Each structure stands twice: as structure tokens, then as C-alpha cells.
Amino acid sequence: MSIDKSLKTKGKLVRPRNVFTRTERIKILKAEGKWEPTMSVFGIPKVKTVKVKRKAKSEKKAAKAESEAAPAASAAAPAAKEKAKK
């Protein structure tokens, strides 16, 4: 039975999965160097899921505000020096 088109999500599965298929686990173990060709495909050790942390939107806005404020401050500094010389 198939899922109705209205029930499907756009990004399929957005959050990280904590259960991998056997082939995915073998690929991860090979990448980590923990897989040997003589090992059985049954009883494969567990593989830890790497979760990606998202940055908060407020951090992005704060960083953008700081980057915009920096050129304005650097432009104001020479003007302040000229006033101090007079």
C-alpha cells in the first residue's frame, strides 16, 4: 500500500536517523577502519549516529548585525582622530 501524496513530507526525513540498514552500517564501519572482510554480516557492532546541530536564528542575526556595525565603526574612527588633532 502506498502513502497518499498529501501525507508525504517534502524533505523525506529531515532529522537524523538513529537506525541504519546493514549496508549503511558496513559503510560507516569501513570509513572508521573497524570493518574486516572476515567479519560476519550478522551481529555487526552498533554505529553511533552523528547529529548535526543547527545554529539558532538569533545567532545569525547577531553576527550579521556585528558585521554591519564593524564597517561603520571603522569609518567613524578616522573622523574622530581628525577632530582630536584640531
PDB file of N, CA and C in Angstrom:
ATOM      1  N   MET A   1       0.843  -1.166   0.000  1.00  0.00           N
ATOM      2  CA  MET A   1       0.000   0.000   0.000  1.00  0.00           C
ATOM      3  C   MET A   1       0.894   1.236   0.000  1.00  0.00           C
ATOM      4  N   SER A   2       0.558   2.230  -0.768  1.00  0.00           N
ATOM      5  CA  SER A   2       1.384   3.422  -0.860  1.00  0.00           C
ATOM      6  C   SER A   2       0.812   4.543   0.008  1.00  0.00           C
ATOM      7  N   ILE A   3       1.654   5.524   0.277  1.00  0.00           N
ATOM      8  CA  ILE A   3       1.246   6.673   1.078  1.00  0.00           C
ATOM      9  C   ILE A   3       0.635   7.710   0.150  1.00  0.00           C
ATOM     10  N   ASP A   4      -0.439   8.344   0.617  1.00  0.00           N
ATOM     11  CA  ASP A   4      -1.090   9.381  -0.161  1.00  0.00           C
ATOM     12  C   ASP A   4      -0.131  10.551  -0.376  1.00  0.00           C
ATOM     13  N   LYS A   5      -0.227  11.204  -1.505  1.00  0.00           N
ATOM     14  CA  LYS A   5       0.672  12.293  -1.876  1.00  0.00           C
ATOM     15  C   LYS A   5       0.617  13.443  -0.870  1.00  0.00           C
ATOM     16  N   SER A   6      -0.545  13.691  -0.282  1.00  0.00           N
ATOM     17  CA  SER A   6      -0.684  14.794   0.668  1.00  0.00           C
ATOM     18  C   SER A   6       0.002  14.499   2.001  1.00  0.00           C
ATOM     19  N   LEU A   7       0.277  13.244   2.293  1.00  0.00           N
ATOM     20  CA  LEU A   7       0.896  12.869   3.564  1.00  0.00           C
ATOM     21  C   LEU A   7       2.415  12.800   3.500  1.00  0.00           C
ATOM     22  N   LYS A   8       2.979  12.846   2.310  1.00  0.00           N
ATOM     23  CA  LYS A   8       4.427  12.773   2.168  1.00  0.00           C
ATOM     24  C   LYS A   8       5.042  14.107   2.558  1.00  0.00           C
ATOM     25  N   THR A   9       6.216  14.049   3.202  1.00  0.00           N
ATOM     26  CA  THR A   9       6.926  15.269   3.551  1.00  0.00           C
ATOM     27  C   THR A   9       7.832  15.669   2.398  1.00  0.00           C
ATOM     28  N   LYS A  10       8.127  16.954   2.307  1.00  0.00           N
ATOM     29  CA  LYS A  10       8.938  17.454   1.196  1.00  0.00           C
ATOM     30  C   LYS A  10      10.375  16.955   1.280  1.00  0.00           C
ATOM     31  N   GLY A  11      10.962  17.022   2.465  1.00  0.00           N
ATOM     32  CA  GLY A  11      12.360  16.643   2.624  1.00  0.00           C
ATOM     33  C   GLY A  11      12.535  15.204   3.039  1.00  0.00           C
ATOM     34  N   LYS A  12      11.544  14.388   2.806  1.00  0.00           N
ATOM     35  CA  LYS A  12      11.537  12.989   3.244  1.00  0.00           C
ATOM     36  C   LYS A  12      11.758  12.954   4.750  1.00  0.00           C
ATOM     37  N   LEU A  13      12.940  12.598   5.186  1.00  0.00           N
ATOM     38  CA  LEU A  13      13.216  12.527   6.614  1.00  0.00           C
ATOM     39  C   LEU A  13      14.249  13.602   6.938  1.00  0.00           C
ATOM     40  N   VAL A  14      13.831  14.646   7.611  1.00  0.00           N
ATOM     41  CA  VAL A  14      14.695  15.786   7.848  1.00  0.00           C
ATOM     42  C   VAL A  14      15.656  15.531   9.008  1.00  0.00           C
ATOM     43  N   ARG A  15      15.179  14.913  10.063  1.00  0.00           N
ATOM     44  CA  ARG A  15      16.038  14.688  11.225  1.00  0.00           C
ATOM     45  C   ARG A  15      16.964  13.486  10.976  1.00  0.00           C
ATOM     46  N   PRO A  16      18.067  13.402  11.718  1.00  0.00           N
ATOM     47  CA  PRO A  16      18.992  12.279  11.516  1.00  0.00           C
ATOM     48  C   PRO A  16      18.378  10.966  11.978  1.00  0.00           C
ATOM     49  N   ARG A  17      18.656   9.910  11.240  1.00  0.00           N
ATOM     50  CA  ARG A  17      18.134   8.594  11.586  1.00  0.00           C
ATOM     51  C   ARG A  17      19.031   7.944  12.623  1.00  0.00           C
ATOM     52  N   ASN A  18      18.439   7.196  13.530  1.00  0.00           N
ATOM     53  CA  ASN A  18      19.247   6.501  14.520  1.00  0.00           C
ATOM     54  C   ASN A  18      19.308   4.997  14.244  1.00  0.00           C
ATOM     55  N   VAL A  19      18.665   4.550  13.193  1.00  0.00           N
ATOM     56  CA  VAL A  19      18.714   3.140  12.810  1.00  0.00           C
ATOM     57  C   VAL A  19      19.180   3.068  11.356  1.00  0.00           C
ATOM     58  N   PHE A  20      20.281   2.372  11.130  1.00  0.00           N
ATOM     59  CA  PHE A  20      20.825   2.246   9.785  1.00  0.00           C
ATOM     60  C   PHE A  20      20.572   0.840   9.256  1.00  0.00           C
ATOM     61  N   THR A  21      20.561   0.718   7.937  1.00  0.00           N
ATOM     62  CA  THR A  21      20.468  -0.610   7.331  1.00  0.00           C
ATOM     63  C   THR A  21      21.821  -1.294   7.475  1.00  0.00           C
ATOM     64  N   ARG A  22      21.853  -2.560   7.227  1.00  0.00           N
ATOM     65  CA  ARG A  22      23.089  -3.334   7.372  1.00  0.00           C
ATOM     66  C   ARG A  22      24.185  -2.782   6.461  1.00  0.00           C
ATOM     67  N   THR A  23      23.831  -2.456   5.219  1.00  0.00           N
ATOM     68  CA  THR A  23      24.846  -1.947   4.281  1.00  0.00           C
ATOM     69  C   THR A  23      25.358  -0.584   4.711  1.00  0.00           C
ATOM     70  N   GLU A  24      24.481   0.268   5.255  1.00  0.00           N
ATOM     71  CA  GLU A  24      24.921   1.578   5.730  1.00  0.00           C
ATOM     72  C   GLU A  24      25.871   1.428   6.912  1.00  0.00           C
ATOM     73  N   ARG A  25      25.582   0.490   7.804  1.00  0.00           N
ATOM     74  CA  ARG A  25      26.454   0.259   8.953  1.00  0.00           C
ATOM     75  C   ARG A  25      27.814  -0.248   8.509  1.00  0.00           C
ATOM     76  N   ILE A  26      27.850  -1.120   7.500  1.00  0.00           N
ATOM     77  CA  ILE A  26      29.128  -1.635   6.999  1.00  0.00           C
ATOM     78  C   ILE A  26      29.939  -0.504   6.371  1.00  0.00           C
ATOM     79  N   LYS A  27      29.285   0.379   5.627  1.00  0.00           N
ATOM     80  CA  LYS A  27      30.000   1.517   5.019  1.00  0.00           C
ATOM     81  C   LYS A  27      30.606   2.416   6.084  1.00  0.00           C
ATOM     82  N   ILE A  28      29.848   2.679   7.154  1.00  0.00           N
ATOM     83  CA  ILE A  28      30.354   3.532   8.226  1.00  0.00           C
ATOM     84  C   ILE A  28      31.519   2.858   8.943  1.00  0.00           C
ATOM     85  N   LEU A  29      31.406   1.566   9.191  1.00  0.00           N
ATOM     86  CA  LEU A  29      32.490   0.833   9.845  1.00  0.00           C
ATOM     87  C   LEU A  29      33.747   0.808   8.976  1.00  0.00           C
ATOM     88  N   LYS A  30      33.582   0.684   7.649  1.00  0.00           N
ATOM     89  CA  LYS A  30      34.739   0.726   6.751  1.00  0.00           C
ATOM     90  C   LYS A  30      35.413   2.084   6.809  1.00  0.00           C
ATOM     91  N   ALA A  31      34.606   3.148   6.845  1.00  0.00           N
ATOM     92  CA  ALA A  31      35.160   4.502   6.900  1.00  0.00           C
ATOM     93  C   ALA A  31      35.930   4.725   8.203  1.00  0.00           C
ATOM     94  N   GLU A  32      35.467   4.125   9.300  1.00  0.00           N
ATOM     95  CA  GLU A  32      36.141   4.260  10.591  1.00  0.00           C
ATOM     96  C   GLU A  32      37.318   3.305  10.739  1.00  0.00           C
ATOM     97  N   GLY A  33      37.425   2.339   9.824  1.00  0.00           N
ATOM     98  CA  GLY A  33      38.512   1.370   9.886  1.00  0.00           C
ATOM     99  C   GLY A  33      38.241   0.235  10.863  1.00  0.00           C
ATOM    100  N   LYS A  34      36.994   0.025  11.226  1.00  0.00           N
ATOM    101  CA  LYS A  34      36.635  -1.026  12.175  1.00  0.00           C
ATOM    102  C   LYS A  34      36.067  -2.269  11.502  1.00  0.00           C
ATOM    103  N   TRP A  35      36.020  -2.289  10.179  1.00  0.00           N
ATOM    104  CA  TRP A  35      35.438  -3.420   9.449  1.00  0.00           C
ATOM    105  C   TRP A  35      36.550  -4.258   8.848  1.00  0.00           C
ATOM    106  N   GLU A  36      36.453  -5.560   9.062  1.00  0.00           N
ATOM    107  CA  GLU A  36      37.386  -6.505   8.448  1.00  0.00           C
ATOM    108  C   GLU A  36      36.595  -7.405   7.513  1.00  0.00           C
ATOM    109  N   PRO A  37      37.131  -7.753   6.358  1.00  0.00           N
ATOM    110  CA  PRO A  37      36.404  -8.586   5.402  1.00  0.00           C
ATOM    111  C   PRO A  37      36.046  -9.977   5.940  1.00  0.00           C
ATOM    112  N   THR A  38      36.754 -10.423   6.967  1.00  0.00           N
ATOM    113  CA  THR A  38      36.471 -11.749   7.514  1.00  0.00           C
ATOM    114  C   THR A  38      35.304 -11.739   8.501  1.00  0.00           C
ATOM    115  N   MET A  39      34.814 -10.566   8.855  1.00  0.00           N
ATOM    116  CA  MET A  39      33.720 -10.457   9.822  1.00  0.00           C
ATOM    117  C   MET A  39      32.409 -10.911   9.190  1.00  0.00           C
ATOM    118  N   SER A  40      31.518 -11.424  10.020  1.00  0.00           N
ATOM    119  CA  SER A  40      30.204 -11.849   9.563  1.00  0.00           C
ATOM    120  C   SER A  40      29.288 -10.627   9.459  1.00  0.00           C
ATOM    121  N   VAL A  41      28.363 -10.674   8.507  1.00  0.00           N
ATOM    122  CA  VAL A  41      27.419  -9.559   8.363  1.00  0.00           C
ATOM    123  C   VAL A  41      26.331  -9.619   9.428  1.00  0.00           C
ATOM    124  N   PHE A  42      26.264 -10.715  10.151  1.00  0.00           N
ATOM    125  CA  PHE A  42      25.317 -10.847  11.251  1.00  0.00           C
ATOM    126  C   PHE A  42      26.026 -10.475  12.547  1.00  0.00           C
ATOM    127  N   GLY A  43      25.351  -9.751  13.404  1.00  0.00           N
ATOM    128  CA  GLY A  43      25.965  -9.343  14.666  1.00  0.00           C
ATOM    129  C   GLY A  43      26.955  -8.216  14.491  1.00  0.00           C
ATOM    130  N   ILE A  44      26.686  -7.317  13.569  1.00  0.00           N
ATOM    131  CA  ILE A  44      27.554  -6.165  13.330  1.00  0.00           C
ATOM    132  C   ILE A  44      27.468  -5.240  14.545  1.00  0.00           C
ATOM    133  N   PRO A  45      28.599  -4.648  14.961  1.00  0.00           N
ATOM    134  CA  PRO A  45      28.537  -3.729  16.099  1.00  0.00           C
ATOM    135  C   PRO A  45      27.689  -2.499  15.788  1.00  0.00           C
ATOM    136  N   LYS A  46      27.184  -1.886  16.839  1.00  0.00           N
ATOM    137  CA  LYS A  46      26.346  -0.704  16.677  1.00  0.00           C
ATOM    138  C   LYS A  46      27.173   0.462  16.165  1.00  0.00           C
ATOM    139  N   VAL A  47      26.514   1.365  15.457  1.00  0.00           N
ATOM    140  CA  VAL A  47      27.176   2.535  14.892  1.00  0.00           C
ATOM    141  C   VAL A  47      26.501   3.766  15.474  1.00  0.00           C
ATOM    142  N   LYS A  48      27.302   4.673  15.992  1.00  0.00           N
ATOM    143  CA  LYS A  48      26.769   5.884  16.589  1.00  0.00           C
ATOM    144  C   LYS A  48      26.336   6.869  15.509  1.00  0.00           C
ATOM    145  N   THR A  49      25.186   7.493  15.712  1.00  0.00           N
ATOM    146  CA  THR A  49      24.666   8.467  14.777  1.00  0.00           C
ATOM    147  C   THR A  49      25.279   9.821  15.069  1.00  0.00           C
ATOM    148  N   VAL A  50      25.739  10.499  14.035  1.00  0.00           N
ATOM    149  CA  VAL A  50      26.276  11.835  14.190  1.00  0.00           C
ATOM    150  C   VAL A  50      25.147  12.812  13.961  1.00  0.00           C
ATOM    151  N   LYS A  51      24.811  13.561  15.000  1.00  0.00           N
ATOM    152  CA  LYS A  51      23.725  14.532  14.896  1.00  0.00           C
ATOM    153  C   LYS A  51      24.307  15.900  14.579  1.00  0.00           C
ATOM    154  N   VAL A  52      23.714  16.573  13.624  1.00  0.00           N
ATOM    155  CA  VAL A  52      24.164  17.894  13.221  1.00  0.00           C
ATOM    156  C   VAL A  52      23.398  18.911  14.034  1.00  0.00           C
ATOM    157  N   LYS A  53      24.129  19.797  14.697  1.00  0.00           N
ATOM    158  CA  LYS A  53      23.477  20.837  15.486  1.00  0.00           C
ATOM    159  C   LYS A  53      23.222  22.043  14.595  1.00  0.00           C
ATOM    160  N   ARG A  54      22.024  22.568  14.705  1.00  0.00           N
ATOM    161  CA  ARG A  54      21.669  23.752  13.930  1.00  0.00           C
ATOM    162  C   ARG A  54      21.967  24.999  14.743  1.00  0.00           C
ATOM    163  N   LYS A  55      22.390  26.047  14.060  1.00  0.00           N
ATOM    164  CA  LYS A  55      22.602  27.316  14.730  1.00  0.00           C
ATOM    165  C   LYS A  55      21.260  28.010  14.890  1.00  0.00           C
ATOM    166  N   ALA A  56      21.123  28.692  15.987  1.00  0.00           N
ATOM    167  CA  ALA A  56      19.887  29.418  16.234  1.00  0.00           C
ATOM    168  C   ALA A  56      19.802  30.619  15.303  1.00  0.00           C
ATOM    169  N   LYS A  57      18.612  31.003  14.978  1.00  0.00           N
ATOM    170  CA  LYS A  57      18.424  32.140  14.080  1.00  0.00           C
ATOM    171  C   LYS A  57      18.933  33.422  14.710  1.00  0.00           C
ATOM    172  N   SER A  58      18.814  33.546  16.020  1.00  0.00           N
ATOM    173  CA  SER A  58      19.260  34.772  16.686  1.00  0.00           C
ATOM    174  C   SER A  58      20.770  34.940  16.573  1.00  0.00           C
ATOM    175  N   GLU A  59      21.531  33.838  16.561  1.00  0.00           N
ATOM    176  CA  GLU A  59      22.980  33.930  16.402  1.00  0.00           C
ATOM    177  C   GLU A  59      23.341  34.471  15.026  1.00  0.00           C
ATOM    178  N   LYS A  60      22.606  34.047  14.005  1.00  0.00           N
ATOM    179  CA  LYS A  60      22.873  34.535  12.655  1.00  0.00           C
ATOM    180  C   LYS A  60      22.583  36.028  12.570  1.00  0.00           C
ATOM    181  N   LYS A  61      21.484  36.466  13.171  1.00  0.00           N
ATOM    182  CA  LYS A  61      21.127  37.881  13.143  1.00  0.00           C
ATOM    183  C   LYS A  61      22.150  38.711  13.901  1.00  0.00           C
ATOM    184  N   ALA A  62      22.637  38.198  15.040  1.00  0.00           N
ATOM    185  CA  ALA A  62      23.622  38.922  15.834  1.00  0.00           C
ATOM    186  C   ALA A  62      24.933  39.045  15.069  1.00  0.00           C
ATOM    187  N   ALA A  63      25.344  37.983  14.403  1.00  0.00           N
ATOM    188  CA  ALA A  63      26.584  38.015  13.626  1.00  0.00           C
ATOM    189  C   ALA A  63      26.462  38.988  12.458  1.00  0.00           C
ATOM    190  N   LYS A  64      25.302  39.025  11.845  1.00  0.00           N
ATOM    191  CA  LYS A  64      25.076  39.935  10.723  1.00  0.00           C
ATOM    192  C   LYS A  64      25.095  41.383  11.207  1.00  0.00           C
ATOM    193  N   ALA A  65      24.498  41.639  12.358  1.00  0.00           N
ATOM    194  CA  ALA A  65      24.472  42.993  12.917  1.00  0.00           C
ATOM    195  C   ALA A  65      25.884  43.450  13.277  1.00  0.00           C
ATOM    196  N   GLU A  66      26.701  42.535  13.820  1.00  0.00           N
ATOM    197  CA  GLU A  66      28.075  42.885  14.161  1.00  0.00           C
ATOM    198  C   GLU A  66      28.896  43.184  12.919  1.00  0.00           C
ATOM    199  N   SER A  67      28.700  42.407  11.866  1.00  0.00           N
ATOM    200  CA  SER A  67      29.470  42.633  10.648  1.00  0.00           C
ATOM    201  C   SER A  67      29.073  43.950   9.986  1.00  0.00           C
ATOM    202  N   GLU A  68      27.819  44.334  10.104  1.00  0.00           N
ATOM    203  CA  GLU A  68      27.382  45.623   9.552  1.00  0.00           C
ATOM    204  C   GLU A  68      27.872  46.777  10.408  1.00  0.00           C
ATOM    205  N   ALA A  69      27.976  46.576  11.714  1.00  0.00           N
ATOM    206  CA  ALA A  69      28.413  47.624  12.624  1.00  0.00           C
ATOM    207  C   ALA A  69      29.913  47.868  12.518  1.00  0.00           C
ATOM    208  N   ALA A  70      30.678  46.855  12.177  1.00  0.00           N
ATOM    209  CA  ALA A  70      32.137  46.976  12.103  1.00  0.00           C
ATOM    210  C   ALA A  70      32.581  47.990  11.049  1.00  0.00           C
ATOM    211  N   PRO A  71      32.070  47.976   9.815  1.00  0.00           N
ATOM    212  CA  PRO A  71      32.500  48.994   8.858  1.00  0.00           C
ATOM    213  C   PRO A  71      32.095  50.405   9.279  1.00  0.00           C
ATOM    214  N   ALA A  72      30.964  50.554   9.908  1.00  0.00           N
ATOM    215  CA  ALA A  72      30.520  51.871  10.353  1.00  0.00           C
ATOM    216  C   ALA A  72      31.441  52.388  11.452  1.00  0.00           C
ATOM    217  N   ALA A  73      31.873  51.536  12.348  1.00  0.00           N
ATOM    218  CA  ALA A  73      32.769  51.932  13.431  1.00  0.00           C
ATOM    219  C   ALA A  73      34.144  52.284  12.883  1.00  0.00           C
ATOM    220  N   SER A  74      34.614  51.547  11.899  1.00  0.00           N
ATOM    221  CA  SER A  74      35.928  51.835  11.333  1.00  0.00           C
ATOM    222  C   SER A  74      35.911  53.138  10.529  1.00  0.00           C
ATOM    223  N   ALA A  75      34.779  53.486   9.958  1.00  0.00           N
ATOM    224  CA  ALA A  75      34.661  54.746   9.229  1.00  0.00           C
ATOM    225  C   ALA A  75      34.586  55.921  10.198  1.00  0.00           C
ATOM    226  N   ALA A  76      34.029  55.719  11.364  1.00  0.00           N
ATOM    227  CA  ALA A  76      33.894  56.779  12.357  1.00  0.00           C
ATOM    228  C   ALA A  76      35.218  57.033  13.065  1.00  0.00           C
ATOM    229  N   ALA A  77      36.093  56.073  13.150  1.00  0.00           N
ATOM    230  CA  ALA A  77      37.361  56.216  13.856  1.00  0.00           C
ATOM    231  C   ALA A  77      38.269  57.270  13.226  1.00  0.00           C
ATOM    232  N   PRO A  78      38.481  57.311  11.905  1.00  0.00           N
ATOM    233  CA  PRO A  78      39.332  58.365  11.327  1.00  0.00           C
ATOM    234  C   PRO A  78      38.745  59.756  11.535  1.00  0.00           C
ATOM    235  N   ALA A  79      37.447  59.886  11.504  1.00  0.00           N
ATOM    236  CA  ALA A  79      36.818  61.183  11.713  1.00  0.00           C
ATOM    237  C   ALA A  79      37.057  61.662  13.140  1.00  0.00           C
ATOM    238  N   ALA A  80      37.042  60.768  14.083  1.00  0.00           N
ATOM    239  CA  ALA A  80      37.294  61.121  15.480  1.00  0.00           C
ATOM    240  C   ALA A  80      38.745  61.532  15.664  1.00  0.00           C
ATOM    241  N   LYS A  81      39.678  60.896  14.970  1.00  0.00           N
ATOM    242  CA  LYS A  81      41.101  61.243  15.066  1.00  0.00           C
ATOM    243  C   LYS A  81      41.346  62.654  14.519  1.00  0.00           C
ATOM    244  N   GLU A  82      40.666  63.003  13.413  1.00  0.00           N
ATOM    245  CA  GLU A  82      40.844  64.332  12.821  1.00  0.00           C
ATOM    246  C   GLU A  82      40.347  65.423  13.779  1.00  0.00           C
ATOM    247  N   LYS A  83      39.237  65.162  14.439  1.00  0.00           N
ATOM    248  CA  LYS A  83      38.697  66.129  15.388  1.00  0.00           C
ATOM    249  C   LYS A  83      39.656  66.285  16.571  1.00  0.00           C
ATOM    250  N   ALA A  84      40.305  65.212  16.992  1.00  0.00           N
ATOM    251  CA  ALA A  84      41.223  65.252  18.126  1.00  0.00           C
ATOM    252  C   ALA A  84      42.473  66.051  17.772  1.00  0.00           C
ATOM    253  N   LYS A  85      42.909  66.011  16.502  1.00  0.00           N
ATOM    254  CA  LYS A  85      44.109  66.757  16.067  1.00  0.00           C
ATOM    255  C   LYS A  85      43.850  68.266  16.093  1.00  0.00           C
ATOM    256  N   LYS A  86      42.634  68.692  15.796  1.00  0.00           N
ATOM    257  CA  LYS A  86      42.306  70.126  15.735  1.00  0.00           C
ATOM    258  C   LYS A  86      42.126  70.637  17.106  1.00  0.00           C
TER     259      LYS A  86
END
